[in-house]
Protein backbone atom coordinates (compact mmCIF):
# COMPACT_ATOMS: atom_id res chain seq x y z
CA MET A 1 -15.27 3.25 25.52
CA GLN A 2 -12.80 6.06 24.82
CA LEU A 3 -10.01 5.70 22.26
CA HIS A 4 -7.12 8.13 22.09
CA CYS A 5 -5.43 8.58 18.71
CA ASN A 6 -1.86 8.77 19.96
CA PHE A 7 -0.38 8.17 16.50
CA LEU A 8 -1.23 10.61 13.73
CA PRO A 9 0.13 10.78 10.16
CA GLN A 10 3.29 12.86 9.81
CA ASP A 11 4.96 14.34 6.72
CA ASP A 12 7.64 11.60 6.58
CA GLY A 13 9.67 13.24 3.84
CA HIS A 14 8.64 14.55 0.44
CA CYS A 15 6.76 11.99 -1.62
CA GLY A 16 7.49 12.26 -5.34
CA TRP A 17 4.17 10.72 -6.33
CA TYR A 18 2.25 13.45 -4.50
CA GLU A 19 4.62 16.37 -5.10
CA THR A 20 4.57 15.89 -8.90
CA LEU A 21 0.77 16.10 -9.09
CA PRO A 22 -0.94 19.38 -10.01
CA PRO A 23 -2.01 21.41 -6.96
CA ALA A 24 -5.08 19.95 -5.30
CA PRO A 25 -8.27 21.99 -5.02
CA PRO A 26 -8.99 23.45 -1.56
CA SER A 27 -9.79 20.87 1.11
CA THR A 28 -12.82 20.76 3.39
CA PRO A 29 -11.62 20.36 6.98
CA LEU A 30 -14.13 19.36 9.64
CA ARG A 31 -15.72 22.32 11.37
CA GLY A 32 -18.48 22.08 13.97
CA THR A 33 -20.65 19.05 14.63
CA VAL A 34 -21.62 16.75 11.76
CA GLN A 35 -24.31 14.08 11.98
CA ALA A 36 -24.01 11.10 9.64
CA ASP A 37 -25.32 7.57 9.25
CA TRP A 38 -21.80 6.23 8.80
CA VAL A 39 -18.34 7.51 9.60
CA VAL A 40 -15.24 6.05 7.93
CA LEU A 41 -11.87 6.79 9.57
CA GLY A 42 -9.03 6.98 7.07
CA ALA A 43 -9.20 7.96 3.39
CA GLY A 44 -6.66 5.49 2.03
CA TYR A 45 -7.68 2.72 -0.33
CA ALA A 46 -9.73 0.83 2.26
CA GLY A 47 -11.55 3.95 3.45
CA LEU A 48 -12.22 5.23 -0.05
CA ALA A 49 -13.59 1.84 -1.12
CA ALA A 50 -15.69 1.44 2.03
CA ALA A 51 -17.23 4.91 1.72
CA ARG A 52 -17.96 4.42 -1.98
CA ARG A 53 -19.52 0.99 -1.49
CA LEU A 54 -21.65 2.12 1.46
CA ALA A 55 -22.90 5.00 -0.67
CA GLU A 56 -23.68 2.65 -3.58
CA LEU A 57 -25.60 0.24 -1.37
CA GLN A 58 -27.38 2.95 0.65
CA PRO A 59 -27.88 5.93 -1.66
CA ASP A 60 -30.10 7.67 0.89
CA ALA A 61 -27.59 7.33 3.74
CA SER A 62 -25.08 10.00 4.69
CA ILE A 63 -21.46 8.89 4.88
CA ALA A 64 -18.68 10.96 6.45
CA LEU A 65 -15.10 10.09 5.42
CA ILE A 66 -12.36 11.75 7.43
CA ASP A 67 -8.57 11.86 7.10
CA ALA A 68 -5.75 13.62 8.92
CA LYS A 69 -4.07 14.70 5.65
CA ARG A 70 -5.01 15.26 2.02
CA VAL A 71 -6.16 12.23 0.05
CA GLY A 72 -3.11 10.74 -1.67
CA PHE A 73 -0.65 12.34 0.72
CA GLY A 74 -0.51 9.47 3.20
CA ALA A 75 0.44 5.83 2.92
CA ALA A 76 -1.95 5.20 0.00
CA GLY A 77 0.08 7.60 -2.16
CA ARG A 78 3.51 6.48 -0.92
CA ASN A 79 3.73 2.92 -2.25
CA SER A 80 5.33 1.90 -5.54
CA GLY A 81 2.09 1.75 -7.53
CA PHE A 82 1.82 -2.00 -8.13
CA MET A 83 -1.68 -3.49 -8.15
CA VAL A 84 -0.43 -7.04 -7.65
CA ASP A 85 -2.79 -9.85 -8.63
CA LEU A 86 -0.60 -12.79 -7.58
CA PRO A 87 0.47 -14.01 -4.12
CA HIS A 88 2.88 -11.53 -2.54
CA ASP A 89 3.82 -12.88 0.87
CA LEU A 90 6.66 -10.65 2.09
CA THR A 91 7.67 -13.28 4.66
CA SER A 92 8.24 -15.94 1.99
CA HIS A 93 11.42 -16.12 -0.10
CA SER A 94 9.30 -17.00 -3.17
CA TYR A 95 6.30 -14.74 -2.30
CA THR A 96 3.99 -17.79 -2.33
CA SER A 97 2.43 -20.01 0.35
CA SER A 98 -0.01 -22.94 0.08
CA GLN A 99 -1.76 -23.49 -3.25
CA GLU A 100 -5.26 -23.22 -1.77
CA ALA A 101 -4.45 -19.99 0.07
CA ASP A 102 -2.76 -18.55 -3.02
CA HIS A 103 -5.81 -19.19 -5.22
CA LYS A 104 -7.96 -17.27 -2.73
CA ILE A 105 -5.53 -14.36 -2.56
CA ILE A 106 -5.54 -14.18 -6.37
CA ARG A 107 -9.35 -13.98 -6.41
CA LEU A 108 -9.36 -11.18 -3.83
CA SER A 109 -6.63 -9.25 -5.64
CA ARG A 110 -8.29 -9.52 -9.04
CA GLY A 111 -11.59 -8.51 -7.48
CA ALA A 112 -9.86 -5.32 -6.30
CA ILE A 113 -8.35 -4.67 -9.73
CA ASP A 114 -11.69 -5.22 -11.49
CA TYR A 115 -13.50 -2.92 -9.06
CA THR A 116 -10.89 -0.18 -9.39
CA ARG A 117 -10.65 -0.47 -13.16
CA GLU A 118 -14.37 0.12 -13.53
CA ILE A 119 -14.20 3.26 -11.37
CA VAL A 120 -11.14 4.59 -13.19
CA GLN A 121 -12.75 4.10 -16.58
CA ARG A 122 -16.18 5.41 -15.56
CA HIS A 123 -14.79 8.62 -14.08
CA GLY A 124 -11.82 9.07 -16.41
CA ILE A 125 -9.33 9.12 -13.53
CA GLN A 126 -5.90 10.14 -14.84
CA CYS A 127 -3.53 7.90 -12.89
CA ASP A 128 -1.27 6.45 -15.61
CA TRP A 129 -3.18 3.15 -15.43
CA ARG A 130 -1.04 0.55 -17.22
CA GLU A 131 -2.05 -3.09 -17.58
CA GLN A 132 1.45 -4.19 -18.47
CA GLY A 133 2.26 -6.66 -15.70
CA LYS A 134 5.30 -6.69 -13.46
CA LEU A 135 8.86 -7.90 -13.69
CA HIS A 136 10.68 -9.93 -11.06
CA GLY A 137 14.41 -9.32 -11.34
CA ALA A 138 17.29 -11.46 -10.03
CA ALA A 139 20.79 -10.05 -9.62
CA ASN A 140 22.62 -13.23 -8.59
CA GLU A 141 22.32 -17.01 -8.49
CA ARG A 142 20.37 -16.96 -5.23
CA GLY A 143 17.84 -14.61 -6.79
CA SER A 144 17.62 -16.78 -9.89
CA GLN A 145 16.81 -19.77 -7.68
CA ALA A 146 14.07 -17.74 -5.97
CA LEU A 147 12.60 -16.92 -9.38
CA ALA A 148 12.66 -20.63 -10.23
CA GLU A 149 10.70 -21.35 -7.04
CA PHE A 150 8.24 -18.59 -7.90
CA ALA A 151 7.83 -20.02 -11.41
CA LYS A 152 7.24 -23.47 -9.93
CA GLY A 153 4.49 -22.00 -7.74
CA LEU A 154 2.91 -20.24 -10.72
CA ASN A 155 2.95 -23.50 -12.68
CA ALA A 156 1.08 -25.21 -9.86
CA LEU A 157 -1.46 -22.38 -9.82
CA GLY A 158 -1.88 -22.49 -13.60
CA GLU A 159 -0.80 -18.85 -13.90
CA PRO A 160 1.00 -17.53 -17.00
CA TYR A 161 4.48 -16.03 -16.91
CA ARG A 162 7.49 -15.52 -19.12
CA LEU A 163 11.14 -16.08 -18.15
CA LEU A 164 13.75 -13.57 -19.33
CA ASP A 165 17.50 -13.89 -19.61
CA ALA A 166 20.04 -11.15 -18.91
CA GLY A 167 19.83 -9.76 -22.44
CA GLN A 168 16.06 -9.58 -22.38
CA MET A 169 16.15 -7.88 -18.98
CA LYS A 170 18.54 -5.28 -20.35
CA ALA A 171 16.28 -4.71 -23.35
CA VAL A 172 13.46 -3.79 -20.94
CA THR A 173 15.35 -1.99 -18.17
CA GLY A 174 18.45 -0.68 -19.94
CA SER A 175 20.50 -2.16 -17.09
CA ASP A 176 23.17 -4.89 -17.04
CA PHE A 177 22.40 -5.47 -13.36
CA TYR A 178 19.87 -8.30 -13.70
CA GLN A 179 20.96 -11.83 -14.56
CA ALA A 180 17.45 -13.18 -15.00
CA GLY A 181 13.84 -12.13 -14.78
CA LEU A 182 10.24 -13.24 -14.83
CA HIS A 183 7.34 -11.30 -16.30
CA ALA A 184 3.88 -11.85 -14.82
CA PRO A 185 1.21 -10.22 -17.00
CA GLY A 186 -1.66 -9.63 -14.57
CA ALA A 187 -0.40 -6.73 -12.43
CA VAL A 188 -1.47 -3.14 -13.08
CA LEU A 189 0.91 -0.20 -12.62
CA VAL A 190 -0.48 3.16 -11.49
CA GLN A 191 0.56 6.53 -10.15
CA PRO A 192 -0.65 5.82 -6.60
CA ALA A 193 -1.20 9.38 -5.38
CA ALA A 194 -3.07 10.28 -8.57
CA LEU A 195 -5.26 7.19 -8.22
CA SER A 196 -6.02 8.03 -4.58
CA ARG A 197 -6.87 11.63 -5.40
CA GLY A 198 -9.05 10.58 -8.33
CA LEU A 199 -10.95 8.11 -6.17
CA GLY A 200 -11.50 10.82 -3.59
CA GLN A 201 -12.71 13.36 -6.12
CA SER A 202 -15.19 10.93 -7.70
CA LEU A 203 -16.97 9.74 -4.56
CA PRO A 204 -20.78 9.54 -4.69
CA ALA A 205 -22.74 12.62 -3.73
CA ASN A 206 -23.83 11.19 -0.38
CA VAL A 207 -20.22 10.96 0.85
CA ARG A 208 -18.78 14.00 2.60
CA LEU A 209 -14.98 14.01 2.63
CA PHE A 210 -13.22 15.89 5.42
CA GLU A 211 -9.47 16.29 4.86
CA GLU A 212 -6.73 17.83 7.02
CA SER A 213 -8.76 16.86 10.08
CA PRO A 214 -6.76 14.68 12.50
CA VAL A 215 -9.07 12.72 14.81
CA LEU A 216 -7.83 13.07 18.37
CA ASP A 217 -10.37 11.01 20.32
CA ILE A 218 -13.08 8.50 19.56
CA LYS A 219 -15.96 7.66 21.85
CA VAL A 220 -17.28 4.25 20.90
CA GLY A 221 -20.95 4.13 21.80
CA LYS A 222 -24.43 5.12 20.69
CA PRO A 223 -23.57 7.14 18.68
CA HIS A 224 -19.87 6.95 17.99
CA VAL A 225 -18.25 10.38 18.31
CA LEU A 226 -14.99 11.28 16.52
CA THR A 227 -13.47 14.52 17.81
CA THR A 228 -10.95 16.78 16.09
CA ALA A 229 -9.47 20.11 17.18
CA HIS A 230 -12.29 21.99 15.45
CA GLY A 231 -15.31 19.70 15.35
CA SER A 232 -16.84 16.28 15.74
CA ILE A 233 -18.70 13.64 13.76
CA LYS A 234 -21.52 11.65 15.34
CA ALA A 235 -22.65 8.46 13.65
CA PRO A 236 -24.27 5.20 14.81
CA ARG A 237 -21.95 3.07 12.66
CA MET A 238 -18.21 3.35 12.08
CA VAL A 239 -15.63 1.77 9.78
CA LEU A 240 -11.99 1.74 10.84
CA ALA A 241 -9.73 2.03 7.80
CA ASN A 242 -6.70 3.68 9.37
CA ASN A 243 -4.39 0.67 9.00
CA ALA A 244 -1.13 1.10 10.98
CA TYR A 245 -2.57 3.98 12.98
CA ALA A 246 -5.06 1.58 14.59
CA SER A 247 -2.22 -0.30 16.26
CA ASN A 248 -2.71 1.56 19.56
CA PHE A 249 -6.44 0.82 19.90
CA GLY A 250 -6.01 -1.67 22.74
CA GLN A 251 -9.64 -1.45 23.84
CA LEU A 252 -10.66 -2.89 20.48
CA GLY A 253 -8.18 -5.73 20.71
CA LEU A 254 -5.78 -4.30 18.14
CA LYS A 255 -2.81 -3.40 20.31
CA GLY A 256 -0.22 -6.14 20.40
CA ARG A 257 -1.36 -7.72 17.13
CA LEU A 258 -0.32 -5.23 14.43
CA LEU A 259 3.18 -4.27 13.29
CA PRO A 260 3.69 -0.76 11.90
CA VAL A 261 6.59 -1.20 9.47
CA TYR A 262 7.94 1.56 7.23
CA THR A 263 9.40 1.26 3.79
CA TYR A 264 11.01 4.06 1.82
CA GLY A 265 11.20 5.43 -1.70
CA SER A 266 13.24 7.93 -3.68
CA MET A 267 12.41 9.43 -7.07
CA THR A 268 14.83 11.07 -9.49
CA ARG A 269 14.43 14.31 -11.33
CA GLN A 270 13.23 13.98 -14.90
CA LEU A 271 15.90 12.53 -17.15
CA THR A 272 16.99 14.57 -20.15
CA PRO A 273 16.49 13.19 -23.70
CA GLU A 274 20.23 12.45 -23.85
CA GLU A 275 20.10 10.56 -20.54
CA LEU A 276 17.07 8.57 -21.66
CA ALA A 277 18.87 7.63 -24.86
CA ARG A 278 21.94 6.60 -22.85
CA LEU A 279 19.77 4.44 -20.61
CA GLY A 280 17.82 2.73 -23.38
CA GLY A 281 15.19 0.13 -22.55
CA GLU A 282 11.43 0.59 -22.47
CA GLU A 283 9.82 3.85 -21.37
CA SER A 284 7.73 2.32 -18.57
CA TRP A 285 8.18 -0.76 -16.41
CA GLY A 286 7.92 -1.94 -12.83
CA LEU A 287 10.28 -4.44 -11.21
CA ILE A 288 9.94 -6.36 -7.96
CA PRO A 289 13.14 -7.94 -6.57
CA ALA A 290 13.56 -11.69 -6.44
CA ASP A 291 14.20 -11.27 -2.71
CA PRO A 292 11.28 -9.55 -0.91
CA LEU A 293 13.67 -7.22 0.93
CA GLY A 294 15.55 -6.17 -2.19
CA SER A 295 14.95 -3.04 -4.26
CA THR A 296 11.73 -2.36 -6.13
CA VAL A 297 12.36 -0.17 -9.18
CA ARG A 298 10.01 1.66 -11.51
CA ARG A 299 10.75 3.64 -14.64
CA LEU A 300 7.96 6.10 -15.34
CA ALA A 301 6.78 7.34 -18.70
CA ASN A 302 7.46 10.92 -17.52
CA GLY A 303 11.20 10.18 -17.51
CA ARG A 304 11.75 9.56 -13.79
CA ILE A 305 13.02 6.48 -11.96
CA CYS A 306 11.75 5.42 -8.53
CA VAL A 307 13.69 3.14 -6.17
CA ARG A 308 12.17 1.61 -3.06
CA ASN A 309 13.96 -0.42 -0.39
CA SER A 310 14.77 -0.47 3.34
CA PHE A 311 12.36 -1.51 6.07
CA THR A 312 12.17 -0.27 9.64
CA TYR A 313 9.93 -1.17 12.56
CA ASN A 314 8.31 2.10 13.68
CA PRO A 315 5.80 1.53 16.50
CA GLU A 316 5.42 5.32 16.81
CA VAL A 317 4.28 5.37 13.14
CA GLN A 318 6.62 8.08 11.91
CA ALA A 319 10.03 8.27 10.27
CA SER A 320 12.85 10.38 11.67
CA ALA A 321 14.91 12.80 9.59
CA SER A 322 18.05 10.75 10.30
CA THR A 323 16.35 7.59 9.01
CA LEU A 324 15.30 9.37 5.83
CA GLN A 325 18.89 10.53 5.29
CA ARG A 326 20.20 7.01 5.84
CA VAL A 327 17.76 5.37 3.43
CA ARG A 328 18.42 8.06 0.83
CA ARG A 329 22.06 6.99 0.87
CA ALA A 330 20.98 3.35 0.54
CA HIS A 331 18.76 4.29 -2.41
CA ARG A 332 21.65 6.15 -4.01
CA LYS A 333 23.86 3.07 -3.79
CA SER A 334 21.09 0.87 -5.23
CA PHE A 335 20.44 3.32 -8.07
CA GLU A 336 24.08 3.64 -9.07
CA SER A 337 24.64 -0.13 -9.06
CA ARG A 338 21.74 -0.54 -11.49
CA PHE A 339 22.23 2.59 -13.57
CA PRO A 340 25.94 3.52 -13.58
CA MET A 341 25.36 5.37 -16.87
CA LEU A 342 23.15 7.82 -14.88
CA ALA A 343 25.49 8.51 -11.97
CA GLU A 344 24.93 12.28 -12.29
CA VAL A 345 21.13 11.97 -11.98
CA ASP A 346 20.02 13.17 -8.55
CA PHE A 347 17.07 12.15 -6.44
CA GLU A 348 14.51 14.93 -6.18
CA TYR A 349 12.33 13.29 -3.51
CA THR A 350 12.77 10.81 -0.64
CA TRP A 351 9.96 9.65 1.63
CA GLY A 352 8.72 6.98 3.99
CA GLY A 353 5.34 5.30 4.23
CA ALA A 354 3.70 3.03 6.77
CA LEU A 355 2.73 -0.57 6.13
CA CYS A 356 0.57 -2.52 8.54
CA ILE A 357 1.50 -6.18 8.76
CA SER A 358 0.95 -9.06 11.16
CA ARG A 359 3.27 -11.94 11.96
CA ASN A 360 0.89 -14.50 10.40
CA ASN A 361 -0.36 -12.35 7.49
CA GLY A 362 -3.72 -12.02 9.22
CA SER A 363 -6.12 -9.09 8.84
CA VAL A 364 -8.51 -7.34 11.20
CA PHE A 365 -11.74 -7.70 9.22
CA GLY A 366 -15.28 -7.73 10.53
CA GLU A 367 -17.28 -6.27 13.39
CA ILE A 368 -14.86 -5.80 16.27
CA ALA A 369 -17.26 -3.93 18.60
CA PRO A 370 -20.99 -3.15 18.34
CA GLU A 371 -21.43 -1.24 15.04
CA VAL A 372 -17.65 -0.85 14.67
CA PHE A 373 -16.36 -2.50 11.50
CA SER A 374 -12.70 -2.93 10.64
CA ALA A 375 -10.79 -3.21 7.35
CA VAL A 376 -7.28 -2.98 8.80
CA CYS A 377 -3.92 -4.66 8.09
CA CYS A 378 -3.10 -5.08 4.40
CA ASN A 379 0.24 -6.91 4.89
CA GLY A 380 2.07 -4.89 2.25
CA LEU A 381 -0.64 -5.15 -0.43
CA GLY A 382 -2.31 -1.80 0.07
CA LEU A 383 -3.50 -1.20 -3.48
CA THR A 384 -5.34 -4.49 -3.83
CA ARG A 385 -5.86 -5.91 -0.35
CA SER A 386 -6.96 -2.63 1.21
CA THR A 387 -9.27 -1.86 -1.71
CA ILE A 388 -11.05 -5.20 -1.59
CA SER A 389 -11.16 -5.11 2.23
CA GLY A 390 -12.85 -1.72 2.13
CA LYS A 391 -15.41 -2.80 -0.44
CA LEU A 392 -16.15 -6.07 1.32
CA ILE A 393 -16.45 -4.55 4.81
CA ALA A 394 -19.31 -2.45 3.47
CA ASP A 395 -20.92 -5.58 2.00
CA TYR A 396 -20.43 -7.39 5.31
CA ALA A 397 -21.92 -4.58 7.36
CA LEU A 398 -25.00 -4.42 5.13
CA GLY A 399 -25.50 -8.16 4.70
CA VAL A 400 -24.48 -8.46 1.03
CA ASP A 401 -23.08 -11.97 0.59
CA SER A 402 -20.55 -13.05 -2.05
CA ASP A 403 -17.84 -15.62 -2.66
CA LEU A 404 -15.19 -12.94 -2.19
CA LEU A 405 -16.66 -11.96 1.17
CA ASN A 406 -16.59 -15.57 2.29
CA ILE A 407 -12.92 -15.80 1.29
CA MET A 408 -12.17 -12.62 3.22
CA LEU A 409 -13.92 -13.97 6.30
CA GLU A 410 -11.79 -17.13 6.10
CA GLN A 411 -8.54 -15.17 6.36
CA PRO A 412 -6.72 -15.53 9.68
CA LYS A 413 -6.87 -12.92 12.39
CA PRO A 414 -3.54 -11.37 13.39
CA SER A 415 -1.66 -13.44 15.94
CA ARG A 416 -0.62 -11.90 19.22
CA ASN A 417 2.85 -10.36 19.35
CA PRO A 418 5.34 -10.94 22.15
CA PRO A 419 5.67 -8.00 24.53
CA GLU A 420 8.13 -5.15 24.16
CA PRO A 421 11.08 -4.93 24.21
CA LEU A 422 11.25 -8.51 22.88
CA LEU A 423 9.00 -7.62 19.94
CA GLY A 424 11.13 -4.68 18.81
CA LEU A 425 14.34 -6.64 19.19
CA GLY A 426 12.91 -9.55 17.25
CA VAL A 427 11.42 -7.52 14.40
CA ARG A 428 14.48 -5.31 13.95
CA SER A 429 16.82 -8.31 14.07
CA SER A 430 14.69 -10.14 11.51
CA ILE A 431 14.69 -7.14 9.16
CA ALA A 432 18.48 -6.71 9.53
CA TRP A 433 19.10 -10.39 8.84
CA LYS A 434 16.80 -10.48 5.81
CA GLU A 435 18.34 -7.32 4.38
CA TRP A 436 21.81 -8.79 4.87
CA THR A 437 20.82 -12.02 3.14
CA ALA A 438 19.23 -10.01 0.30
CA GLY A 439 22.79 -8.87 -0.42
CA VAL A 440 23.22 -7.47 -3.92
CA GLU A 441 19.43 -7.50 -4.45
CA LEU A 442 19.36 -4.34 -2.33
């Protein structure tokens, strides 16, 4: 079976998380033919976790991890840096679903946080790890009602939270924009590109990381052969951890089930001491909108503010320059409505990043072909869902049982999409409608 990698990661703007890191040490691109016991495609959170766990369970095995870009440059370093422990269903107005399903998602998410925390602490990874929880912010009555529904769901789950009024929201954010809020204490905030890079630099010795090596073709067989412009990797066992970029692998049953959706972020320059004083509020916080298609906002301890909103359906898995210009204008409007006292503060970076979602929140997890294992489709929860999927796919492949693995195996598989052009029309219309109904939350 021959797979062609028609979609490869692009630059998709300038990501502030990555651009503000110190320069990375030289990469090791793939050159020549490499033999390995395992090959992992994609060095995002799932790939990094899978390679690490395989190496932990089989210290004498050789693991090759390969990525088209530098670790932290791609989608793993382009999110907003929330390790969310609670249900976060982007298709639900209140982020929650059934109580039984929510309890299982919480266990998976906290398993990811616990696993990552131990690695960060053991290796001293500098990623601005902050166990300070997350805010949900409502800008109007509709948003306040959504927060009330979310609180009702948390009550049913027995999860702690704290409601905030407009004055308390201003005391945290410095902004008069939010009428009400909810603080959930279990989320962890990180610098996502720094976390990704730190995870890549602390891999076990039996993992070889090949960066800046786009895979062009894959021969699925005995062995599997991944070919780049300058070399190849041969391995009897393979893990797919390339998320949205797997959406074209029709021979493996993935085409027509995954939805590559982009979201976008902008980050300001560093605020001056006078601007920080004018803003007020706390020096670091992360806010998720009451409406899932509203604006996510983070204030960073380094004096920058990051705004994320706007979704687009991008089956070609790249963002155009015109789209980046359009969303930058949308970010500007969102920023100024929240921080009118900072109207002169410019954005220094604007970027896009790919999510991989399915219409039923299903994931592609398990053995999808002989000795081909998949940890694909995180449904907008890359930091936690991808991490735990990567760890558990290694456990699954090597026969290590656990309660978390059983929960993961119970998750639904992605449902089949309608054909194009109906799919594109439907997804784009749904996004446009939901963004319109989000209203001021954008």
